[in-house]
Amino acid sequence: METRHDFGSKIGAVLASAGSAVGLGNVWRFPTEVGNNGGAAFIFIYLLCIAFIGIPVMMSEFLIGRHTHTNTISAFAKLAPGKWWRIEGIAGVFVAFLILSYYIVISGWTLFYLIESVGGKLQADRDYSDVFNNFVSNPWMPVLAGVAFMAFTHFIIARGVQSGIEKSSKLMMPLLLFIIGILVVCSFGMPGSSKGLSFLLKPDFSKLTADVILSAVGQAFFSLSLAMGCLCTYASYFRADTNLPKTAVGVSVIDTVVAILSGFIIFPAVFSVDGVSVDAGPGLVFITLPSVFNIAFHHVPIIGYIFSAFFYLLLLLAALTSAISLHESVTAYVLEAFSLSRKRAAAAVSIACMTLGIVCSLSFGLLGDLKLFDMNIFELFDFTASKIILPIGGIIICLFTGWYLDRKLVESELTNQGKLRFKLFRIYYFIIRYVAPLAIAAVFLQEILS
């Protein structure tokens, strides 16, 4: 088995972990949730959920990973020998594998749209609903795009922790933030920017319902990549002097800033065009926005071209940083459990995920009639991962940290064996034992019942 390497720097650890959290959930899912749940009031609740649920659960994953310095399955087995807690590690690696299998399908769509945008094809007067439907139902084009995306991901993982994951994170995360800054400035110049900003910044608390609050909890949990084994795996590469609470806060701040700024990019554009709904749903990115960008910038086509190309580049970078962490979560286990070289372990994971990814891709075309519980294969994978395994995994992480692990071990990890002060430990411990598991359980029950 190859020698295990840690991240070479603290900033590398933060950026890699932030890259894991920042993904399509920020640039695509967050604006969709904001649009569906009333704007600023949802964001307010979301921020509370990040602070009081997301960060404590992230800290728990960090301390489990760094304390054991091994893959997610072995981490739980090491902390609870012979106990059933090992199942949580297995679930974490499995759900990362499952999510990556269909995540590369959406990421392939993003790559295709970036190519189309750079080629000027998204600046034409077209029916983008037909463009999207014709593309995803094509028997080979989405598959080819997904394979190309997986090739990028595989190349980075095969290079290792420092030369691959850390080095790429130091390049992609600043680039991602730079592109967001450019797009936000451009969006402020749109005719509907004031309405879009009002929607995002002026909360109407009369729109708050139990469903909206539960949606905010679910989005916070999904956005931070919790219970996927990714953060636990990355934390196993943290150095002994890494400040875990500070790192968790830093990752959460970057993740939240990206999500909110994505709203600043999208909603001014949406409000600039009459007849476009803010709750356009999942079709917002691939059907609604290409048309919106064209109309909003019709007086200056070159700006629309640049805006569109940069937006899909942003989306692709966000998809890639998350895909890398999902891949590494599985690769770390395969590498260590079967004593393979990193290149062989990465190749095995890439081939297996791509095989399932092809099946998921074809579920929009050739395999469209193959359904279970009225869901195609892609939808079934998504439902199983995000609605069942992730929330249950989150609850188990809370119970494991708050009730099974020795309190002294937890406090020792979060204070670096007493070298750091963590004044909020009692609050953290109360949240991880009571508040977080109950909140996640409420989201889980609401999703299942609905």
Protein backbone atom coordinates (compact mmCIF):
# COMPACT_ATOMS: atom_id res chain seq x y z
CA MET A 1 0.00 0.00 0.00
CA GLU A 2 1.25 3.49 -0.81
CA THR A 3 2.46 5.88 1.89
CA ARG A 4 -0.33 8.05 3.27
CA HIS A 5 0.20 11.80 2.74
CA ASP A 6 -1.38 14.71 4.58
CA PHE A 7 -2.34 18.06 3.08
CA GLY A 8 0.81 20.14 2.78
CA SER A 9 -0.66 23.36 4.20
CA LYS A 10 -3.56 24.66 6.28
CA ILE A 11 -4.90 26.75 3.40
CA GLY A 12 -4.77 23.65 1.21
CA ALA A 13 -6.88 21.75 3.76
CA VAL A 14 -9.44 24.57 3.93
CA LEU A 15 -9.68 25.02 0.16
CA ALA A 16 -9.94 21.28 -0.49
CA SER A 17 -12.69 20.92 2.14
CA ALA A 18 -14.43 24.02 0.81
CA GLY A 19 -14.21 22.52 -2.67
CA SER A 20 -15.93 19.41 -1.37
CA ALA A 21 -18.76 21.51 0.05
CA VAL A 22 -19.04 23.92 -2.90
CA GLY A 23 -20.77 22.16 -5.76
CA LEU A 24 -23.89 22.10 -7.89
CA GLY A 25 -25.84 22.33 -4.63
CA ASN A 26 -24.63 25.93 -4.28
CA VAL A 27 -24.93 27.24 -7.82
CA TRP A 28 -27.99 25.26 -8.89
CA ARG A 29 -29.91 23.77 -5.96
CA PHE A 30 -29.60 26.75 -3.59
CA PRO A 31 -31.11 29.36 -5.99
CA THR A 32 -33.85 26.83 -6.83
CA GLU A 33 -34.65 26.38 -3.12
CA VAL A 34 -34.58 30.15 -2.57
CA GLY A 35 -36.96 30.66 -5.49
CA ASN A 36 -39.31 27.93 -4.30
CA ASN A 37 -39.36 29.11 -0.68
CA GLY A 38 -39.83 32.86 -0.77
CA GLY A 39 -36.38 34.43 -1.04
CA ALA A 40 -34.76 36.30 1.85
CA ALA A 41 -36.80 34.64 4.63
CA PHE A 42 -35.53 31.24 3.48
CA ILE A 43 -31.94 32.55 3.38
CA PHE A 44 -32.26 33.81 6.97
CA ILE A 45 -33.35 30.38 8.21
CA TYR A 46 -30.70 28.72 6.04
CA LEU A 47 -27.95 30.79 7.69
CA LEU A 48 -29.19 29.74 11.13
CA CYS A 49 -29.16 26.11 10.02
CA ILE A 50 -25.58 26.41 8.75
CA ALA A 51 -24.47 27.92 12.07
CA PHE A 52 -26.35 25.67 14.48
CA ILE A 53 -26.51 22.37 12.58
CA GLY A 54 -24.13 22.33 9.62
CA ILE A 55 -20.96 23.51 11.38
CA PRO A 56 -21.35 21.21 14.45
CA VAL A 57 -21.94 18.15 12.24
CA MET A 58 -18.97 19.12 10.05
CA MET A 59 -16.76 19.42 13.14
CA SER A 60 -17.88 15.93 14.15
CA GLU A 61 -16.84 14.49 10.79
CA PHE A 62 -13.53 16.35 11.01
CA LEU A 63 -12.66 15.00 14.44
CA ILE A 64 -13.52 11.41 13.45
CA GLY A 65 -11.35 11.63 10.33
CA ARG A 66 -8.33 13.32 11.86
CA HIS A 67 -8.31 11.20 15.01
CA THR A 68 -8.18 7.96 13.02
CA HIS A 69 -6.18 9.04 9.93
CA THR A 70 -7.84 6.42 7.75
CA ASN A 71 -10.71 5.99 5.30
CA THR A 72 -14.29 6.47 6.48
CA ILE A 73 -15.18 2.78 6.96
CA SER A 74 -11.98 2.02 8.87
CA ALA A 75 -12.43 5.22 10.92
CA PHE A 76 -15.69 4.04 12.47
CA ALA A 77 -14.35 0.49 12.84
CA LYS A 78 -11.27 1.84 14.62
CA LEU A 79 -13.25 4.00 17.04
CA ALA A 80 -15.90 1.33 17.70
CA PRO A 81 -14.30 -2.12 17.19
CA GLY A 82 -16.84 -4.85 16.65
CA LYS A 83 -19.75 -2.44 16.95
CA TRP A 84 -22.50 -1.81 14.42
CA TRP A 85 -21.31 1.82 14.06
CA ARG A 86 -19.11 0.52 11.21
CA ILE A 87 -22.31 0.52 9.15
CA GLU A 88 -22.20 4.33 9.11
CA GLY A 89 -18.77 4.23 7.49
CA ILE A 90 -20.01 1.75 4.90
CA ALA A 91 -23.05 3.93 4.22
CA GLY A 92 -20.84 7.00 3.81
CA VAL A 93 -18.61 5.38 1.20
CA PHE A 94 -21.56 3.75 -0.56
CA VAL A 95 -23.55 6.99 -0.78
CA ALA A 96 -20.49 8.83 -2.14
CA PHE A 97 -20.19 6.15 -4.82
CA LEU A 98 -23.92 6.36 -5.59
CA ILE A 99 -23.98 10.16 -5.76
CA LEU A 100 -20.86 10.32 -7.95
CA SER A 101 -22.49 7.86 -10.38
CA TYR A 102 -25.34 10.24 -11.19
CA TYR A 103 -23.47 13.46 -10.35
CA ILE A 104 -21.21 12.92 -13.36
CA VAL A 105 -24.32 12.86 -15.55
CA ILE A 106 -25.35 16.38 -14.49
CA SER A 107 -21.72 17.48 -14.64
CA GLY A 108 -21.56 16.17 -18.21
CA TRP A 109 -24.57 18.32 -19.05
CA THR A 110 -22.69 21.30 -17.59
CA LEU A 111 -19.62 20.53 -19.71
CA PHE A 112 -21.81 20.32 -22.83
CA TYR A 113 -23.45 23.67 -22.06
CA LEU A 114 -20.05 25.29 -21.50
CA ILE A 115 -18.89 24.04 -24.91
CA GLU A 116 -22.13 25.23 -26.51
CA SER A 117 -21.79 28.63 -24.83
CA VAL A 118 -18.15 29.11 -25.86
CA GLY A 119 -19.15 28.11 -29.41
CA GLY A 120 -21.84 30.82 -29.43
CA LYS A 121 -24.71 28.34 -29.76
CA LEU A 122 -26.38 29.50 -26.54
CA GLN A 123 -26.57 33.03 -27.87
CA ALA A 124 -29.02 32.08 -30.64
CA ASP A 125 -32.79 32.43 -30.60
CA ARG A 126 -33.75 28.83 -29.82
CA ASP A 127 -36.27 26.84 -27.83
CA TYR A 128 -34.00 25.82 -24.96
CA SER A 129 -36.49 23.36 -23.62
CA ASP A 130 -36.13 21.39 -26.86
CA VAL A 131 -32.34 21.86 -26.80
CA PHE A 132 -32.11 20.34 -23.33
CA ASN A 133 -34.59 17.51 -23.90
CA ASN A 134 -33.00 16.54 -27.21
CA PHE A 135 -29.56 16.50 -25.63
CA VAL A 136 -30.34 14.42 -22.51
CA SER A 137 -32.35 11.89 -24.52
CA ASN A 138 -29.54 11.44 -27.07
CA PRO A 139 -28.05 7.92 -26.73
CA TRP A 140 -24.40 8.98 -26.88
CA MET A 141 -23.78 12.73 -26.45
CA PRO A 142 -24.55 12.94 -22.68
CA VAL A 143 -22.57 9.73 -22.13
CA LEU A 144 -19.56 11.18 -23.96
CA ALA A 145 -19.80 14.39 -21.91
CA GLY A 146 -20.01 12.39 -18.67
CA VAL A 147 -16.99 10.27 -19.62
CA ALA A 148 -14.98 13.42 -20.40
CA PHE A 149 -15.90 14.91 -17.02
CA MET A 150 -14.95 11.70 -15.22
CA ALA A 151 -11.60 11.75 -17.04
CA PHE A 152 -10.84 15.18 -15.52
CA THR A 153 -11.81 13.94 -12.07
CA HIS A 154 -9.82 10.73 -12.40
CA PHE A 155 -6.68 12.57 -13.51
CA ILE A 156 -6.70 14.73 -10.37
CA ILE A 157 -7.41 11.84 -7.98
CA ALA A 158 -4.72 9.64 -9.54
CA ARG A 159 -2.08 12.32 -8.84
CA GLY A 160 -2.58 12.01 -5.09
CA VAL A 161 -3.50 14.15 -2.09
CA GLN A 162 -0.92 16.93 -2.40
CA SER A 163 -0.12 16.89 -6.13
CA GLY A 164 -3.72 16.24 -7.20
CA ILE A 165 -6.43 17.26 -4.72
CA GLU A 166 -4.62 20.04 -2.85
CA LYS A 167 -2.91 21.55 -5.89
CA SER A 168 -6.12 21.58 -7.95
CA SER A 169 -8.09 23.09 -5.05
CA LYS A 170 -5.59 25.92 -4.72
CA LEU A 171 -6.12 26.67 -8.41
CA MET A 172 -9.84 26.05 -8.86
CA MET A 173 -11.29 27.60 -5.70
CA PRO A 174 -9.71 31.07 -6.21
CA LEU A 175 -10.70 30.87 -9.90
CA LEU A 176 -14.25 29.94 -8.92
CA LEU A 177 -14.48 32.90 -6.51
CA PHE A 178 -12.97 35.24 -9.13
CA ILE A 179 -15.57 34.20 -11.72
CA ILE A 180 -18.36 34.66 -9.19
CA GLY A 181 -17.11 38.20 -8.50
CA ILE A 182 -17.15 39.06 -12.22
CA LEU A 183 -20.64 37.64 -12.72
CA VAL A 184 -22.04 39.43 -9.67
CA VAL A 185 -20.72 42.77 -10.94
CA CYS A 186 -22.26 42.09 -14.37
CA SER A 187 -25.59 41.05 -12.86
CA PHE A 188 -25.85 44.31 -10.90
CA GLY A 189 -25.98 46.13 -14.23
CA MET A 190 -29.07 44.27 -15.40
CA PRO A 191 -32.42 46.11 -15.59
CA GLY A 192 -34.00 43.86 -12.97
CA SER A 193 -31.12 43.85 -10.50
CA SER A 194 -32.92 45.96 -7.88
CA LYS A 195 -35.91 43.59 -7.83
CA GLY A 196 -33.61 40.58 -7.67
CA LEU A 197 -31.64 42.06 -4.77
CA SER A 198 -34.83 42.95 -2.94
CA PHE A 199 -36.04 39.38 -3.31
CA LEU A 200 -32.76 38.14 -1.80
CA LEU A 201 -32.25 40.76 0.93
CA LYS A 202 -35.69 41.82 2.20
CA PRO A 203 -37.23 38.93 4.16
CA ASP A 204 -40.98 38.44 4.23
CA PHE A 205 -41.40 36.27 7.31
CA SER A 206 -45.08 35.75 6.55
CA LYS A 207 -43.88 33.24 3.93
CA LEU A 208 -42.20 31.07 6.54
CA THR A 209 -43.89 27.73 7.04
CA ALA A 210 -42.78 24.44 8.59
CA ASP A 211 -41.98 23.14 5.09
CA VAL A 212 -39.77 26.17 4.35
CA ILE A 213 -37.85 25.70 7.61
CA LEU A 214 -37.35 21.99 6.94
CA SER A 215 -36.22 22.79 3.38
CA ALA A 216 -33.62 25.17 4.82
CA VAL A 217 -32.33 22.45 7.15
CA GLY A 218 -32.14 19.99 4.26
CA GLN A 219 -30.35 22.47 1.98
CA ALA A 220 -27.79 23.34 4.66
CA PHE A 221 -27.08 19.65 5.19
CA PHE A 222 -26.81 18.86 1.46
CA SER A 223 -24.82 21.99 0.60
CA LEU A 224 -22.03 21.23 3.07
CA SER A 225 -21.57 17.64 1.75
CA LEU A 226 -22.30 16.15 5.16
CA ALA A 227 -22.56 12.38 5.79
CA MET A 228 -21.02 11.54 2.39
CA GLY A 229 -17.70 10.42 3.83
CA CYS A 230 -15.97 13.24 1.94
CA LEU A 231 -15.20 15.54 4.87
CA CYS A 232 -14.25 12.63 7.11
CA THR A 233 -11.84 11.40 4.43
CA TYR A 234 -10.34 14.85 3.85
CA ALA A 235 -9.94 15.34 7.61
CA SER A 236 -7.88 12.15 7.72
CA TYR A 237 -5.29 14.12 5.71
CA PHE A 238 -5.32 17.09 8.14
CA ARG A 239 -2.15 17.82 10.05
CA ALA A 240 -2.14 17.49 13.86
CA ASP A 241 -2.09 21.28 14.34
CA THR A 242 -5.17 21.96 12.18
CA ASN A 243 -7.76 23.99 14.10
CA LEU A 244 -10.90 21.93 13.46
CA PRO A 245 -13.55 24.45 14.65
CA LYS A 246 -11.85 27.26 12.72
CA THR A 247 -11.56 25.10 9.61
CA ALA A 248 -15.25 24.11 9.82
CA VAL A 249 -16.27 27.77 10.12
CA GLY A 250 -13.99 28.75 7.23
CA VAL A 251 -15.36 26.02 4.96
CA SER A 252 -18.96 26.92 5.87
CA VAL A 253 -18.37 30.64 5.23
CA ILE A 254 -16.87 29.97 1.78
CA ASP A 255 -19.70 27.56 0.95
CA THR A 256 -22.39 30.00 2.09
CA VAL A 257 -20.83 32.99 0.31
CA VAL A 258 -20.73 31.01 -2.95
CA ALA A 259 -24.38 29.98 -2.54
CA ILE A 260 -25.64 33.49 -1.79
CA LEU A 261 -23.54 35.12 -4.51
CA SER A 262 -24.94 32.56 -6.95
CA GLY A 263 -28.34 33.97 -6.05
CA PHE A 264 -27.00 37.46 -6.75
CA ILE A 265 -25.97 36.23 -10.20
CA ILE A 266 -29.17 34.41 -11.11
CA PHE A 267 -32.08 36.43 -9.68
CA PRO A 268 -31.21 39.85 -11.13
CA ALA A 269 -31.14 38.10 -14.52
CA VAL A 270 -34.45 36.34 -13.87
CA PHE A 271 -36.15 39.56 -12.74
CA SER A 272 -34.83 41.33 -15.84
CA VAL A 273 -37.10 39.27 -18.09
CA ASP A 274 -40.89 39.46 -17.93
CA GLY A 275 -42.78 36.21 -17.63
CA VAL A 276 -39.95 34.20 -16.03
CA SER A 277 -40.78 32.63 -12.68
CA VAL A 278 -38.29 32.69 -9.79
CA ASP A 279 -39.40 29.18 -8.87
CA ALA A 280 -38.51 27.67 -12.24
CA GLY A 281 -37.15 24.60 -10.43
CA PRO A 282 -34.39 22.29 -11.66
CA GLY A 283 -34.85 23.47 -15.25
CA LEU A 284 -33.63 26.91 -14.18
CA VAL A 285 -29.98 26.36 -15.15
CA PHE A 286 -30.34 24.47 -18.43
CA ILE A 287 -33.63 25.74 -19.84
CA THR A 288 -34.55 29.09 -18.29
CA LEU A 289 -31.19 30.83 -17.88
CA PRO A 290 -29.86 30.49 -21.46
CA SER A 291 -32.96 32.30 -22.69
CA VAL A 292 -32.78 34.84 -19.85
CA PHE A 293 -29.13 35.66 -20.57
CA ASN A 294 -29.92 36.26 -24.25
CA ILE A 295 -32.85 38.56 -23.55
CA ALA A 296 -31.16 40.44 -20.71
CA PHE A 297 -28.06 41.21 -22.79
CA HIS A 298 -29.65 41.53 -26.24
CA HIS A 299 -28.41 45.13 -26.58
CA VAL A 300 -24.78 44.06 -25.93
CA PRO A 301 -24.46 40.47 -27.25
CA ILE A 302 -20.75 40.22 -26.42
CA ILE A 303 -21.51 40.74 -22.72
CA GLY A 304 -24.16 38.04 -22.91
CA TYR A 305 -21.65 35.72 -24.55
CA ILE A 306 -19.05 36.32 -21.82
CA PHE A 307 -21.63 36.10 -19.03
CA SER A 308 -23.02 32.82 -20.33
CA ALA A 309 -19.58 31.24 -20.86
CA PHE A 310 -18.35 32.30 -17.42
CA PHE A 311 -21.53 31.07 -15.74
CA TYR A 312 -21.21 27.55 -17.14
CA LEU A 313 -17.49 27.54 -16.40
CA LEU A 314 -18.41 28.42 -12.80
CA LEU A 315 -20.93 25.59 -12.75
CA LEU A 316 -18.36 23.15 -14.14
CA LEU A 317 -15.72 24.14 -11.57
CA ALA A 318 -18.21 23.74 -8.75
CA ALA A 319 -19.19 20.30 -10.06
CA LEU A 320 -15.54 19.25 -10.41
CA THR A 321 -14.47 20.24 -6.87
CA SER A 322 -17.32 18.19 -5.38
CA ALA A 323 -16.79 15.23 -7.71
CA ILE A 324 -13.14 15.08 -6.64
CA SER A 325 -14.12 14.73 -2.97
CA LEU A 326 -16.77 12.09 -3.72
CA HIS A 327 -14.24 10.13 -5.78
CA GLU A 328 -11.57 10.40 -3.08
CA SER A 329 -13.97 9.16 -0.39
CA VAL A 330 -14.38 5.89 -2.30
CA THR A 331 -10.82 5.70 -3.62
CA ALA A 332 -9.32 6.08 -0.13
CA TYR A 333 -11.27 3.04 1.04
CA VAL A 334 -10.45 0.89 -2.02
CA LEU A 335 -6.78 1.88 -1.83
CA GLU A 336 -6.39 1.02 1.86
CA ALA A 337 -8.76 -1.96 2.12
CA PHE A 338 -7.32 -3.84 -0.87
CA SER A 339 -3.72 -2.58 -0.68
CA LEU A 340 -3.80 -1.19 -4.21
CA SER A 341 -1.75 1.61 -5.68
CA ARG A 342 -3.56 4.94 -5.90
CA LYS A 343 -3.69 4.79 -9.69
CA ARG A 344 -5.26 1.33 -9.69
CA ALA A 345 -7.73 2.20 -6.95
CA ALA A 346 -8.74 5.41 -8.74
CA ALA A 347 -9.13 3.53 -12.03
CA ALA A 348 -11.37 0.89 -10.41
CA VAL A 349 -13.61 3.58 -8.89
CA SER A 350 -13.75 5.61 -12.12
CA ILE A 351 -14.72 2.61 -14.23
CA ALA A 352 -17.38 1.43 -11.76
CA CYS A 353 -18.92 4.90 -11.34
CA MET A 354 -18.85 5.56 -15.08
CA THR A 355 -20.62 2.27 -15.76
CA LEU A 356 -23.46 3.23 -13.43
CA GLY A 357 -23.30 6.79 -14.77
CA ILE A 358 -23.96 5.56 -18.30
CA VAL A 359 -27.04 3.70 -17.05
CA CYS A 360 -28.23 6.86 -15.26
CA SER A 361 -27.66 8.93 -18.39
CA LEU A 362 -29.60 6.50 -20.58
CA SER A 363 -32.53 6.67 -18.15
CA PHE A 364 -33.49 9.92 -19.91
CA GLY A 365 -33.54 8.18 -23.29
CA LEU A 366 -33.16 4.51 -24.19
CA LEU A 367 -33.90 3.30 -20.63
CA GLY A 368 -36.59 5.89 -19.96
CA ASP A 369 -39.32 3.27 -19.61
CA LEU A 370 -37.40 1.35 -16.95
CA LYS A 371 -38.91 2.65 -13.72
CA LEU A 372 -39.28 1.65 -10.08
CA PHE A 373 -41.69 3.42 -7.72
CA ASP A 374 -42.52 5.70 -10.66
CA MET A 375 -38.88 6.90 -10.85
CA ASN A 376 -36.31 6.33 -13.57
CA ILE A 377 -32.85 5.04 -12.59
CA PHE A 378 -31.35 8.51 -12.20
CA GLU A 379 -34.23 9.68 -9.99
CA LEU A 380 -34.13 6.47 -7.95
CA PHE A 381 -30.41 6.90 -7.23
CA ASP A 382 -30.94 10.54 -6.27
CA PHE A 383 -33.89 9.74 -4.00
CA THR A 384 -32.10 6.85 -2.30
CA ALA A 385 -28.96 8.89 -1.66
CA SER A 386 -30.28 12.34 -0.75
CA LYS A 387 -33.62 11.49 0.85
CA ILE A 388 -32.77 8.29 2.72
CA ILE A 389 -29.07 7.48 3.23
CA LEU A 390 -27.76 11.03 3.82
CA PRO A 391 -30.21 12.07 6.56
CA ILE A 392 -29.95 8.72 8.33
CA GLY A 393 -26.16 8.99 8.09
CA GLY A 394 -26.28 12.50 9.54
CA ILE A 395 -28.34 11.32 12.50
CA ILE A 396 -25.92 8.44 13.15
CA ILE A 397 -22.89 10.79 13.05
CA CYS A 398 -24.55 12.97 15.69
CA LEU A 399 -25.40 10.01 17.89
CA PHE A 400 -21.94 8.50 17.45
CA THR A 401 -20.13 11.71 18.39
CA GLY A 402 -22.53 12.89 21.06
CA TRP A 403 -23.45 9.62 22.76
CA TYR A 404 -20.92 6.89 21.91
CA LEU A 405 -17.53 8.62 21.80
CA ASP A 406 -15.99 9.61 25.09
CA ARG A 407 -16.62 13.30 25.74
CA LYS A 408 -12.96 13.79 26.68
CA LEU A 409 -11.86 12.41 23.29
CA VAL A 410 -14.22 14.76 21.46
CA GLU A 411 -13.06 17.79 23.44
CA SER A 412 -9.42 16.78 23.08
CA GLU A 413 -9.70 16.62 19.28
CA LEU A 414 -11.50 19.95 19.01
CA THR A 415 -8.90 21.67 21.23
CA ASN A 416 -5.85 19.88 19.75
CA GLN A 417 -5.18 18.08 23.05
CA GLY A 418 -5.79 21.23 25.06
CA LYS A 419 -3.48 23.47 23.02
CA LEU A 420 -6.40 25.54 21.67
CA ARG A 421 -9.33 27.14 23.44
CA PHE A 422 -12.82 26.25 22.27
CA LYS A 423 -15.17 28.28 24.46
CA LEU A 424 -18.29 27.05 22.68
CA PHE A 425 -17.67 23.36 23.36
CA ARG A 426 -20.66 22.97 25.70
CA ILE A 427 -22.97 24.55 23.12
CA TYR A 428 -21.50 22.35 20.39
CA TYR A 429 -21.94 19.24 22.51
CA PHE A 430 -25.57 20.07 23.33
CA ILE A 431 -26.34 20.69 19.64
CA ILE A 432 -24.68 17.48 18.45
CA ARG A 433 -26.50 15.41 21.09
CA TYR A 434 -29.99 16.90 20.83
CA VAL A 435 -30.63 19.72 18.34
CA ALA A 436 -28.92 18.42 15.18
CA PRO A 437 -30.21 14.82 15.26
CA LEU A 438 -33.78 15.94 15.95
CA ALA A 439 -33.68 18.57 13.19
CA ILE A 440 -32.27 16.10 10.65
CA ALA A 441 -34.85 13.49 11.73
CA ALA A 442 -37.62 16.03 11.13
CA VAL A 443 -36.33 16.68 7.59
CA PHE A 444 -36.08 12.95 6.94
CA LEU A 445 -39.65 12.27 8.07
CA GLN A 446 -41.00 15.24 6.12
CA GLU A 447 -39.29 14.07 2.93
CA ILE A 448 -40.49 10.49 3.30
CA LEU A 449 -44.07 11.46 4.15
CA SER A 450 -44.27 13.96 1.30
